[in-house]
Amino acid sequence: MAGIGFSLRKMVQKESLSALTKSYGYAAMLSSGAWVSSIIAILIIGFFNLSDESGKPIAYQLIITYAFAFASSIMTTGFIQLPFTRYIADKIYEQREDLILPSFFGTLLVTTFVGLLLLLPLALYVFPEQPISFILLVVYIFIMMTAIWLANILASSLKFYKAIFVAYFFVYIGIVFFAYIYGSSVENIMLIFLLGNILLFIILTALIMISYPSDKLLSFDFFKRKNFYWFLGFSGLFYSLAVWIDKFIFWYHPDTGSAILGKLHGSVVYDIPIFMAYLTIIPGMALFFFRLEAYFSQSYEHFFDAVKEGGRLEVIHGYKNEMRNTIRDTIRDVLGIQTIISIMIYIYTSEIFSFFHIPLLYSNLFHIDMIGAQLQLGFMSVLALLFYLDKRRATMWLSLLFLLLNGLLTLLSIYLGPYYFGYGYATSLLIVFIISLWVINNTLEDIEYETFLLR
């Protein structure tokens, strides 16, 4: 990520409002483009179809939501994304960039094949009354979201970040436009969404091919035991499942969820507040991504360069303090700006809900989910820093703790009643965030010892 960090730093050095806006806009798209674009598209299409009583917008939203749940939790992020990211970083460090493109295609082929094996029989079971064309559309959307997620790993490291920003923006604008014009049925909306994401995937893949040329088409070296980082795989799996477990509990608990399309369940009570809450952390995610790649990566590089080159102890201590200060300032500023945004949204909740025709009945749950989303941003930021510091076991145990706490406390909140909905999610994140801060503080205290004596 050093290349994109350098580009972002260079952009900010122009000291103009437009340069600052552009740099954070690119950071927002690169850090959260895939899921944010889809959530916004889902909400806008639903907004355009408020008067539609056929259930078409809800069915579409449900399918895309499940597509993201499966793509991010089970197929790609759930066990592949973090090890694949580390593998790509290793190849760049080794100056073996010719292996990146064939590894990307090899990983894509494997995930597509596994996805078809899992999703086709599952779709046949979930939609027994739907025609085969509908079932195939669902499977193709799930597979394409997995491919987009995988391509986004590499896309975030490319120098063509402006092209990526433009691609996401116009593709999803096109999806919303054509869904509004031609969305006469669920199948039509799904087809439009699928075609738009195929176009986006082609653009991302073309940029990847330009950036990492190779004379080899396929490579499966990533899946060799010596190249696969198992702790990272389990960290990604546990974290992604933890992010979704509260939704699945609300969807399938008899008191809060109901069948909406085939055997797919949703929760009228929980879905709208939690996804709106996720949108509120976009500024914080952009700020963290910018600080991580533009500044922390630089201080991190200074520290380990000094270690590798045999720098004096006081120099190494100085770079360690620089890294510690960068971490402290980054977490403080991210939570600070996010708190200000959350307060503003809290004040204007009724106006926002009125504009989007959302019942104010959801406001209390939205406020709790918004606090939970802010804590998730903080926890996610600490995890990213721990990944940088190669604390793979720690991130795995923290992610597992998040999974267990979110599941158990969400069940408890449902048992306690509607007033407590959302508290399980927020409380679990408060606990793991505090623990993660303790872990990263101890990591920085012992970093010289671990660097010199445990390697």
Protein backbone atom coordinates (compact mmCIF):
# COMPACT_ATOMS: atom_id res chain seq x y z
CA MET A 1 0.00 0.00 0.00
CA ALA A 2 3.04 2.30 0.08
CA GLY A 3 2.29 3.56 -3.44
CA ILE A 4 -1.23 4.75 -2.67
CA GLY A 5 -0.01 6.21 0.63
CA PHE A 6 2.62 8.26 -1.20
CA SER A 7 0.00 9.47 -3.71
CA LEU A 8 -2.39 10.53 -0.96
CA ARG A 9 0.36 12.38 0.93
CA LYS A 10 1.41 14.16 -2.25
CA MET A 11 -2.18 15.21 -2.94
CA VAL A 12 -2.65 16.70 0.54
CA GLN A 13 0.61 18.66 0.27
CA LYS A 14 -1.08 20.92 -2.27
CA GLU A 15 -2.82 22.52 0.74
CA SER A 16 -6.12 23.25 -0.94
CA LEU A 17 -9.67 22.32 0.00
CA SER A 18 -10.20 20.52 -3.30
CA ALA A 19 -7.02 18.45 -2.83
CA LEU A 20 -8.06 17.51 0.71
CA THR A 21 -11.57 16.61 -0.45
CA LYS A 22 -10.24 14.49 -3.29
CA SER A 23 -7.76 12.65 -1.11
CA TYR A 24 -10.40 11.69 1.45
CA GLY A 25 -12.87 10.86 -1.32
CA TYR A 26 -10.40 8.41 -2.84
CA ALA A 27 -9.63 7.02 0.61
CA ALA A 28 -13.35 6.47 1.25
CA MET A 29 -13.83 4.64 -2.04
CA LEU A 30 -10.73 2.49 -1.67
CA SER A 31 -11.49 1.57 1.94
CA SER A 32 -15.18 0.80 1.59
CA GLY A 33 -16.20 1.15 -2.04
CA ALA A 34 -17.66 -2.29 -2.60
CA TRP A 35 -20.05 -2.54 0.32
CA VAL A 36 -20.88 1.17 0.64
CA SER A 37 -21.81 1.49 -3.05
CA SER A 38 -24.08 -1.53 -2.83
CA ILE A 39 -25.77 -0.43 0.40
CA ILE A 40 -26.45 3.01 -1.08
CA ALA A 41 -27.79 1.42 -4.28
CA ILE A 42 -30.01 -0.88 -2.22
CA LEU A 43 -31.43 2.01 -0.18
CA ILE A 44 -31.97 4.28 -3.20
CA ILE A 45 -33.74 1.60 -5.24
CA GLY A 46 -35.93 0.88 -2.24
CA PHE A 47 -36.59 4.63 -1.87
CA PHE A 48 -37.68 4.91 -5.52
CA ASN A 49 -40.08 2.00 -5.04
CA LEU A 50 -41.74 3.05 -1.79
CA SER A 51 -45.17 2.98 -3.39
CA ASP A 52 -44.64 -0.54 -4.75
CA GLU A 53 -46.68 -2.91 -2.57
CA SER A 54 -45.63 -6.09 -4.43
CA GLY A 55 -42.64 -6.70 -2.16
CA LYS A 56 -40.27 -6.34 -5.14
CA PRO A 57 -37.85 -3.83 -3.55
CA ILE A 58 -37.69 -5.81 -0.29
CA ALA A 59 -37.00 -9.05 -2.17
CA TYR A 60 -34.21 -7.39 -4.17
CA GLN A 61 -32.68 -5.81 -1.07
CA LEU A 62 -32.78 -9.13 0.75
CA ILE A 63 -31.00 -11.01 -2.05
CA ILE A 64 -28.22 -8.43 -2.37
CA THR A 65 -27.80 -8.34 1.41
CA TYR A 66 -27.41 -12.12 1.53
CA ALA A 67 -25.03 -11.94 -1.42
CA PHE A 68 -22.79 -9.63 0.58
CA ALA A 69 -23.12 -11.77 3.69
CA PHE A 70 -21.99 -14.90 1.84
CA ALA A 71 -19.38 -13.18 -0.32
CA SER A 72 -17.74 -11.33 2.56
CA SER A 73 -18.11 -13.92 5.32
CA ILE A 74 -17.90 -17.37 3.75
CA MET A 75 -16.46 -17.18 0.25
CA THR A 76 -13.73 -14.53 0.21
CA THR A 77 -13.19 -12.35 3.26
CA GLY A 78 -14.18 -15.27 5.44
CA PHE A 79 -10.98 -17.21 4.88
CA ILE A 80 -9.19 -15.96 1.77
CA GLN A 81 -8.93 -12.18 1.81
CA LEU A 82 -6.39 -11.62 4.58
CA PRO A 83 -4.04 -14.51 3.64
CA PHE A 84 -4.30 -13.46 -0.02
CA THR A 85 -3.50 -9.84 0.87
CA ARG A 86 -0.45 -10.97 2.84
CA TYR A 87 0.64 -13.28 0.00
CA ILE A 88 0.45 -10.40 -2.49
CA ALA A 89 2.42 -8.16 -0.10
CA ASP A 90 5.08 -10.87 0.19
CA LYS A 91 5.39 -11.14 -3.59
CA ILE A 92 5.77 -7.37 -3.91
CA TYR A 93 8.43 -7.37 -1.18
CA GLU A 94 10.25 -10.22 -2.96
CA GLN A 95 9.97 -8.28 -6.25
CA ARG A 96 8.01 -11.19 -7.75
CA GLU A 97 5.13 -9.11 -9.04
CA ASP A 98 4.89 -11.39 -12.09
CA LEU A 99 3.20 -13.95 -9.78
CA ILE A 100 0.42 -11.59 -8.67
CA LEU A 101 -1.83 -11.76 -11.74
CA PRO A 102 -1.74 -15.59 -12.13
CA SER A 103 -2.32 -15.93 -8.37
CA PHE A 104 -5.32 -13.61 -8.65
CA PHE A 105 -6.82 -15.67 -11.48
CA GLY A 106 -6.02 -18.93 -9.68
CA THR A 107 -7.67 -17.77 -6.47
CA LEU A 108 -10.63 -16.44 -8.44
CA LEU A 109 -11.05 -19.81 -10.19
CA VAL A 110 -10.96 -21.71 -6.90
CA THR A 111 -13.44 -19.42 -5.13
CA THR A 112 -15.79 -19.50 -8.13
CA PHE A 113 -15.70 -23.30 -8.27
CA VAL A 114 -16.27 -23.66 -4.52
CA GLY A 115 -19.00 -21.04 -4.69
CA LEU A 116 -20.88 -22.93 -7.39
CA LEU A 117 -20.61 -26.19 -5.44
CA LEU A 118 -22.01 -24.56 -2.31
CA LEU A 119 -24.48 -22.03 -3.65
CA LEU A 120 -26.28 -23.88 -6.45
CA PRO A 121 -27.73 -26.64 -4.23
CA LEU A 122 -28.36 -24.07 -1.48
CA ALA A 123 -30.29 -21.82 -3.89
CA LEU A 124 -32.34 -24.79 -5.12
CA TYR A 125 -33.25 -25.55 -1.51
CA VAL A 126 -33.99 -21.95 -0.51
CA PHE A 127 -36.11 -21.09 -3.59
CA PRO A 128 -38.06 -24.30 -4.34
CA GLU A 129 -40.90 -22.45 -6.08
CA GLN A 130 -38.79 -20.13 -8.23
CA PRO A 131 -37.88 -20.83 -11.89
CA ILE A 132 -34.36 -21.96 -12.73
CA SER A 133 -33.62 -18.58 -14.37
CA PHE A 134 -34.25 -16.83 -11.03
CA ILE A 135 -32.08 -19.34 -9.15
CA LEU A 136 -29.22 -18.93 -11.63
CA LEU A 137 -29.44 -15.14 -11.32
CA VAL A 138 -29.12 -15.43 -7.55
CA VAL A 139 -26.10 -17.75 -7.83
CA TYR A 140 -24.42 -15.52 -10.43
CA ILE A 141 -24.90 -12.45 -8.20
CA PHE A 142 -23.37 -14.27 -5.24
CA ILE A 143 -20.39 -15.40 -7.33
CA MET A 144 -19.91 -11.94 -8.85
CA MET A 145 -19.91 -10.26 -5.44
CA THR A 146 -17.22 -12.73 -4.37
CA ALA A 147 -15.17 -11.84 -7.45
CA ILE A 148 -15.61 -8.09 -6.82
CA TRP A 149 -14.49 -8.57 -3.21
CA LEU A 150 -11.39 -10.42 -4.36
CA ALA A 151 -10.56 -7.87 -7.08
CA ASN A 152 -10.99 -5.06 -4.56
CA ILE A 153 -8.03 -6.44 -2.58
CA LEU A 154 -5.70 -5.71 -5.47
CA ALA A 155 -7.56 -2.65 -6.68
CA SER A 156 -6.83 -0.87 -3.39
CA SER A 157 -3.09 -1.10 -4.09
CA LEU A 158 -3.18 0.19 -7.67
CA LYS A 159 -1.94 3.57 -8.83
CA PHE A 160 -5.12 3.98 -10.92
CA TYR A 161 -7.18 4.99 -7.89
CA LYS A 162 -8.92 7.78 -9.84
CA ALA A 163 -10.14 5.27 -12.44
CA ILE A 164 -11.36 2.98 -9.65
CA PHE A 165 -13.26 5.84 -8.04
CA VAL A 166 -14.89 6.78 -11.35
CA ALA A 167 -15.72 3.13 -12.13
CA TYR A 168 -17.52 2.58 -8.81
CA PHE A 169 -19.35 5.88 -9.03
CA PHE A 170 -20.69 5.55 -12.57
CA VAL A 171 -21.42 1.83 -12.43
CA TYR A 172 -23.62 2.21 -9.36
CA ILE A 173 -25.24 5.36 -10.70
CA GLY A 174 -26.05 3.30 -13.81
CA ILE A 175 -27.45 0.45 -11.70
CA VAL A 176 -29.78 2.82 -9.85
CA PHE A 177 -30.85 4.57 -13.08
CA PHE A 178 -31.63 1.42 -15.06
CA ALA A 179 -33.30 -0.21 -12.06
CA TYR A 180 -35.58 2.82 -11.81
CA ILE A 181 -36.40 2.72 -15.55
CA TYR A 182 -36.56 -1.02 -16.19
CA GLY A 183 -37.08 -2.50 -12.73
CA SER A 184 -40.55 -3.88 -13.42
CA SER A 185 -39.73 -7.18 -11.69
CA VAL A 186 -37.30 -8.59 -9.15
CA GLU A 187 -35.57 -10.51 -11.95
CA ASN A 188 -35.02 -7.32 -13.95
CA ILE A 189 -33.49 -5.48 -11.00
CA MET A 190 -31.27 -8.46 -10.20
CA LEU A 191 -30.13 -8.70 -13.83
CA ILE A 192 -29.30 -4.98 -13.91
CA PHE A 193 -27.33 -5.31 -10.66
CA LEU A 194 -25.49 -8.35 -12.03
CA LEU A 195 -24.59 -6.71 -15.36
CA GLY A 196 -23.39 -3.55 -13.61
CA ASN A 197 -21.10 -5.53 -11.32
CA ILE A 198 -19.79 -7.61 -14.23
CA LEU A 199 -18.81 -4.35 -15.92
CA LEU A 200 -17.17 -3.15 -12.69
CA PHE A 201 -15.28 -6.44 -12.36
CA ILE A 202 -14.02 -6.20 -15.95
CA ILE A 203 -12.73 -2.67 -15.30
CA LEU A 204 -10.99 -3.68 -12.07
CA THR A 205 -9.47 -6.76 -13.70
CA ALA A 206 -8.21 -4.71 -16.65
CA LEU A 207 -6.50 -2.28 -14.26
CA ILE A 208 -4.97 -5.19 -12.34
CA MET A 209 -3.65 -6.70 -15.59
CA ILE A 210 -2.09 -3.38 -16.58
CA SER A 211 -0.48 -2.93 -13.16
CA TYR A 212 0.81 -6.49 -12.71
CA PRO A 213 1.60 -7.94 -16.16
CA SER A 214 2.65 -11.57 -16.37
CA ASP A 215 3.32 -14.18 -19.05
CA LYS A 216 1.64 -16.81 -16.88
CA LEU A 217 -2.14 -17.15 -16.66
CA LEU A 218 -2.80 -19.30 -13.59
CA SER A 219 -0.94 -20.07 -10.38
CA PHE A 220 -2.16 -21.95 -7.32
CA ASP A 221 0.97 -21.38 -5.22
CA PHE A 222 -1.10 -19.26 -2.84
CA PHE A 223 -2.90 -22.40 -1.66
CA LYS A 224 0.30 -24.25 -0.81
CA ARG A 225 0.64 -24.84 2.91
CA LYS A 226 3.88 -22.87 3.20
CA ASN A 227 2.30 -19.80 1.55
CA PHE A 228 -1.03 -19.78 3.40
CA TYR A 229 -1.28 -17.78 6.62
CA TRP A 230 -3.73 -19.82 8.66
CA PHE A 231 -4.06 -17.44 11.59
CA LEU A 232 -4.94 -14.64 9.17
CA GLY A 233 -7.49 -16.92 7.52
CA PHE A 234 -9.21 -17.67 10.82
CA SER A 235 -9.00 -14.00 11.84
CA GLY A 236 -10.87 -13.02 8.69
CA LEU A 237 -13.39 -15.82 9.07
CA PHE A 238 -14.19 -15.07 12.72
CA TYR A 239 -14.35 -11.31 12.18
CA SER A 240 -16.62 -11.53 9.14
CA LEU A 241 -18.94 -14.00 10.84
CA ALA A 242 -18.99 -11.74 13.90
CA VAL A 243 -20.07 -8.78 11.76
CA TRP A 244 -23.02 -10.77 10.39
CA ILE A 245 -24.06 -13.00 13.29
CA ASP A 246 -26.34 -10.42 14.93
CA LYS A 247 -28.15 -9.95 11.59
CA PHE A 248 -28.65 -13.68 11.13
CA ILE A 249 -29.94 -14.04 14.69
CA PHE A 250 -32.48 -11.25 14.16
CA TRP A 251 -33.44 -12.70 10.76
CA TYR A 252 -34.12 -16.21 12.01
CA HIS A 253 -35.30 -15.68 15.58
CA PRO A 254 -39.08 -16.23 15.63
CA ASP A 255 -39.70 -13.02 17.59
CA THR A 256 -37.81 -10.68 15.24
CA GLY A 257 -37.60 -12.27 11.77
CA SER A 258 -39.85 -13.78 9.15
CA ALA A 259 -39.63 -15.51 5.76
CA ILE A 260 -39.72 -12.93 2.95
CA LEU A 261 -38.61 -14.76 -0.18
CA GLY A 262 -38.57 -18.53 -0.28
CA LYS A 263 -36.74 -19.66 2.85
CA LEU A 264 -34.76 -16.40 3.12
CA HIS A 265 -35.61 -14.46 6.25
CA GLY A 266 -35.32 -10.80 7.04
CA SER A 267 -36.04 -8.58 10.00
CA VAL A 268 -38.23 -5.55 9.50
CA VAL A 269 -37.22 -4.44 12.99
CA TYR A 270 -33.42 -4.61 12.62
CA ASP A 271 -32.33 -4.31 8.99
CA ILE A 272 -32.96 -0.63 8.18
CA PRO A 273 -31.37 0.82 11.37
CA ILE A 274 -28.21 -1.30 11.22
CA PHE A 275 -27.47 -0.64 7.55
CA MET A 276 -28.10 3.07 7.95
CA ALA A 277 -25.78 3.03 10.95
CA TYR A 278 -23.03 1.50 8.80
CA LEU A 279 -23.30 4.40 6.36
CA THR A 280 -22.56 6.87 9.15
CA ILE A 281 -18.99 5.55 9.59
CA ILE A 282 -17.88 6.24 6.00
CA PRO A 283 -16.06 9.49 6.99
CA GLY A 284 -14.27 7.73 9.83
CA MET A 285 -13.24 4.85 7.57
CA ALA A 286 -11.89 7.29 5.00
CA LEU A 287 -9.90 9.16 7.64
CA PHE A 288 -8.47 5.94 9.08
CA PHE A 289 -7.52 4.56 5.67
CA PHE A 290 -5.82 7.83 4.80
CA ARG A 291 -3.87 8.00 8.09
CA LEU A 292 -2.95 4.31 7.94
CA GLU A 293 -1.59 4.35 4.40
CA ALA A 294 -0.23 7.89 4.27
CA TYR A 295 1.37 8.21 7.71
CA PHE A 296 1.43 5.04 9.83
CA SER A 297 2.91 2.98 7.00
CA GLN A 298 5.70 5.57 6.76
CA SER A 299 6.55 5.49 10.49
CA TYR A 300 6.29 1.68 10.44
CA GLU A 301 8.75 1.56 7.55
CA HIS A 302 11.17 3.92 9.35
CA PHE A 303 11.21 1.67 12.43
CA PHE A 304 11.89 -1.58 10.61
CA ASP A 305 14.39 -0.02 8.22
CA ALA A 306 16.35 1.16 11.26
CA VAL A 307 16.22 -2.38 12.68
CA LYS A 308 17.32 -4.01 9.42
CA GLU A 309 20.14 -1.52 8.84
CA GLY A 310 21.54 -1.82 12.37
CA GLY A 311 20.50 1.62 13.56
CA ARG A 312 21.45 2.91 17.02
CA LEU A 313 19.11 2.02 19.88
CA GLU A 314 18.09 5.63 20.49
CA VAL A 315 17.17 5.98 16.80
CA ILE A 316 15.06 2.82 16.96
CA HIS A 317 13.37 4.10 20.14
CA GLY A 318 12.67 7.39 18.36
CA TYR A 319 10.97 5.65 15.45
CA LYS A 320 9.03 3.47 17.89
CA ASN A 321 7.72 6.59 19.63
CA GLU A 322 6.86 8.07 16.23
CA MET A 323 4.86 4.95 15.42
CA ARG A 324 3.14 4.99 18.81
CA ASN A 325 2.22 8.68 18.44
CA THR A 326 0.84 8.05 14.96
CA ILE A 327 -1.34 5.23 16.25
CA ARG A 328 -2.58 7.32 19.19
CA ASP A 329 -3.34 10.35 17.02
CA THR A 330 -5.04 8.23 14.36
CA ILE A 331 -7.39 6.43 16.76
CA ARG A 332 -8.13 9.67 18.64
CA ASP A 333 -8.90 11.63 15.46
CA VAL A 334 -10.97 8.86 13.89
CA LEU A 335 -13.14 8.47 16.99
CA GLY A 336 -13.26 12.25 17.46
CA ILE A 337 -14.53 13.06 13.97
CA GLN A 338 -16.90 10.11 14.09
CA THR A 339 -18.32 11.29 17.41
CA ILE A 340 -19.00 14.74 15.97
CA ILE A 341 -20.74 13.19 12.97
CA SER A 342 -22.78 10.88 15.21
CA ILE A 343 -23.92 13.82 17.36
CA MET A 344 -24.98 15.78 14.28
CA ILE A 345 -26.91 12.79 12.93
CA TYR A 346 -28.50 12.27 16.36
CA ILE A 347 -29.71 15.88 16.41
CA TYR A 348 -31.17 15.68 12.89
CA THR A 349 -32.46 12.09 13.02
CA SER A 350 -36.09 13.07 12.64
CA GLU A 351 -35.37 15.21 9.56
CA ILE A 352 -33.25 12.46 7.98
CA PHE A 353 -35.89 9.80 8.64
CA SER A 354 -38.64 12.10 7.35
CA PHE A 355 -36.73 12.74 4.11
CA PHE A 356 -36.29 9.00 3.45
CA HIS A 357 -39.83 8.19 4.63
CA ILE A 358 -38.50 5.96 7.42
CA PRO A 359 -40.75 5.60 10.51
CA LEU A 360 -39.38 7.34 13.61
CA LEU A 361 -40.09 4.10 15.45
CA TYR A 362 -36.66 2.97 14.26
CA SER A 363 -34.80 5.97 15.73
CA ASN A 364 -33.90 4.49 19.15
CA LEU A 365 -32.47 1.32 17.61
CA PHE A 366 -30.67 3.40 14.98
CA HIS A 367 -28.96 5.46 17.70
CA ILE A 368 -27.75 2.33 19.50
CA ASP A 369 -26.57 0.77 16.23
CA MET A 370 -24.79 4.02 15.35
CA ILE A 371 -22.81 3.81 18.60
CA GLY A 372 -22.08 0.15 17.83
CA ALA A 373 -20.90 1.02 14.32
CA GLN A 374 -18.57 3.69 15.73
CA LEU A 375 -17.11 1.15 18.17
CA GLN A 376 -16.76 -1.31 15.29
CA LEU A 377 -14.80 1.32 13.38
CA GLY A 378 -12.48 1.71 16.37
CA PHE A 379 -12.06 -2.05 16.78
CA MET A 380 -11.50 -2.52 13.06
CA SER A 381 -8.85 0.22 13.12
CA VAL A 382 -6.95 -1.48 15.94
CA LEU A 383 -7.15 -4.84 14.13
CA ALA A 384 -5.68 -3.26 10.99
CA LEU A 385 -2.80 -1.85 13.02
CA LEU A 386 -2.22 -5.24 14.65
CA PHE A 387 -2.15 -6.83 11.19
CA TYR A 388 0.56 -4.34 10.24
CA LEU A 389 2.52 -5.38 13.33
CA ASP A 390 2.08 -9.06 12.38
CA LYS A 391 0.10 -9.98 15.52
CA ARG A 392 -1.79 -12.76 13.78
CA ARG A 393 -2.67 -14.85 16.84
CA ALA A 394 -3.90 -11.80 18.75
CA THR A 395 -6.19 -10.70 15.92
CA MET A 396 -7.57 -14.24 15.62
CA TRP A 397 -8.48 -14.43 19.32
CA LEU A 398 -9.92 -10.91 19.33
CA SER A 399 -12.08 -11.73 16.30
CA LEU A 400 -13.25 -14.97 17.89
CA LEU A 401 -14.15 -13.09 21.08
CA PHE A 402 -16.15 -10.57 19.02
CA LEU A 403 -18.00 -13.44 17.32
CA LEU A 404 -18.91 -15.16 20.61
CA LEU A 405 -19.88 -11.97 22.44
CA ASN A 406 -21.96 -10.56 19.57
CA GLY A 407 -23.85 -13.84 19.18
CA LEU A 408 -24.52 -14.39 22.89
CA LEU A 409 -25.35 -10.78 23.77
CA THR A 410 -27.60 -10.37 20.72
CA LEU A 411 -29.60 -13.44 21.82
CA LEU A 412 -29.78 -11.97 25.32
CA SER A 413 -31.03 -8.63 23.96
CA ILE A 414 -33.85 -10.37 22.09
CA TYR A 415 -34.76 -12.29 25.24
CA LEU A 416 -34.86 -9.05 27.26
CA GLY A 417 -37.23 -7.38 24.81
CA PRO A 418 -37.45 -4.68 22.10
CA TYR A 419 -36.04 -1.92 24.31
CA TYR A 420 -32.69 -3.77 24.40
CA PHE A 421 -32.40 -4.50 20.67
CA GLY A 422 -28.99 -3.42 19.39
CA TYR A 423 -27.39 -3.38 22.83
CA GLY A 424 -25.86 -6.83 22.29
CA TYR A 425 -24.05 -5.63 19.18
CA ALA A 426 -22.86 -2.38 20.76
CA THR A 427 -21.83 -3.94 24.09
CA SER A 428 -19.83 -6.73 22.45
CA LEU A 429 -17.88 -4.13 20.46
CA LEU A 430 -17.27 -1.96 23.51
CA ILE A 431 -15.70 -4.95 25.29
CA VAL A 432 -13.49 -6.12 22.40
CA PHE A 433 -12.45 -2.56 21.53
CA ILE A 434 -11.19 -1.92 25.08
CA ILE A 435 -9.34 -5.25 25.09
CA SER A 436 -7.84 -4.53 21.66
CA LEU A 437 -6.49 -1.19 22.89
CA TRP A 438 -4.79 -3.01 25.77
CA VAL A 439 -3.33 -5.54 23.32
CA ILE A 440 -1.88 -2.95 20.94
CA ASN A 441 -0.47 -0.93 23.84
CA ASN A 442 1.35 -4.02 25.15
CA THR A 443 2.50 -4.86 21.63
CA LEU A 444 4.16 -1.46 21.25
CA GLU A 445 5.72 -1.70 24.71
CA ASP A 446 7.44 -4.98 23.78
CA ILE A 447 8.08 -4.37 20.09
CA GLU A 448 11.88 -4.07 20.36
CA TYR A 449 12.10 -7.27 22.43
CA GLU A 450 9.92 -9.17 19.96
CA THR A 451 11.70 -7.75 16.94
CA PHE A 452 15.20 -8.69 18.10
CA LEU A 453 14.71 -11.79 20.24
CA LEU A 454 11.63 -13.62 18.92
CA ARG A 455 12.36 -13.54 15.16
